[in-house]
Structure formats: C-alpha cells, structure tokens
C-alpha cells in the first residue's frame, strides 16, 4: 500500500478491506461456537449448597458474627460457585474478628474448617473470643461554659462505661450521643 500525503488510493483501500474482511458465514460459525460453549458451561454448573456452623459464641455475639460472615450471607445464593465458597471461607476469620471487635473482643482466634461431600460444602468455625478489653480508666470532663450545666452533669454521672467493664463500642457511642 502506497500512501501519499496521508491519503490512500482507492485500490489500496480495497486491498486493505479484502485482507481484513471476514465473510459473514465464518462470523456466524464463530458466534454459534461461542454461544454453544457458553450454554454448555452454564448448563453443567449447578447451585452450590453451603451449611455454616458457628460455635464458641452465643446471643448477640453470634448474631453479629452471622451478620458479618459473608459466606453465611451468601449461602442461599443460587449463583454461588465453588471458587466463591472457597474465597469467602478464606476471609471468614477476618469477618469474625470484625464482628467481635465492637463487643470488646479484639484478640479472638478462629479455627475455620471447610469440607465438601455429596450434599455440598460444610463450613465450621470454632471461635475463641479471647480476653475482652476492659475499661481501665474513665475520665470525662467538660471545659468551658457548659461545665456547670445541670443536664451535662447528669449525663456524665450516668456515663455507661465504667472502670472494669468490657469496652462495648455501642455503649460508648450511645454515651457520646447523650452528651
């Protein structure tokens, strides 16, 4: 192809288009092959069944763990794949640690076990909460013009966090709201 001043001759364009022109028939064959491949790959994949067991915690702690545990949230998803189950199981210890932290348990340990049988996957998480973080010192003070306000003094007197209690993030934030 010979180009003069940025323009191609008509013959050059025709040769270029003929070289890169794929017939419509061959395009249809390629499309049909790709379409059937996609259908076959999705037809063979069936929904993955997942059972999740959490032990070592109860009550509000267990509810929060299940709320944070992504695998538990996705267990009934019909589009869940085996690779996704494994990936979510790998991050379960982090999910559980994040769920326990607001309750004062920052040193938890999790023993995650994922097994597969003919019914599907079984994920088991044995949790050791570890020692809770205890409040060592509480010092609430008000400076400025509000320090003599009766309402503020009352709220400080009823401050929910006290020395020796477990550091509960929800209680702490609720106490801040009342101020």
Foldseek 3Di string as FASTA:
>chain_A
DDDDPNDDDPVVVVVVCVVPDDDPVVVVVVVVVVVVVVVVVVVPDWFAAEAEAEDDDDDPLVVLLCVQQVCNVCRPPRPDDPVNNVVSLVCSQVSSCVSLVLQQQNPKDWDWDWDADPNHIYIYIYIDSPDGDFAADDDDADDDPCRPPPQVVVLVVVQPHDGGHGNRNVSNVVSVVSD
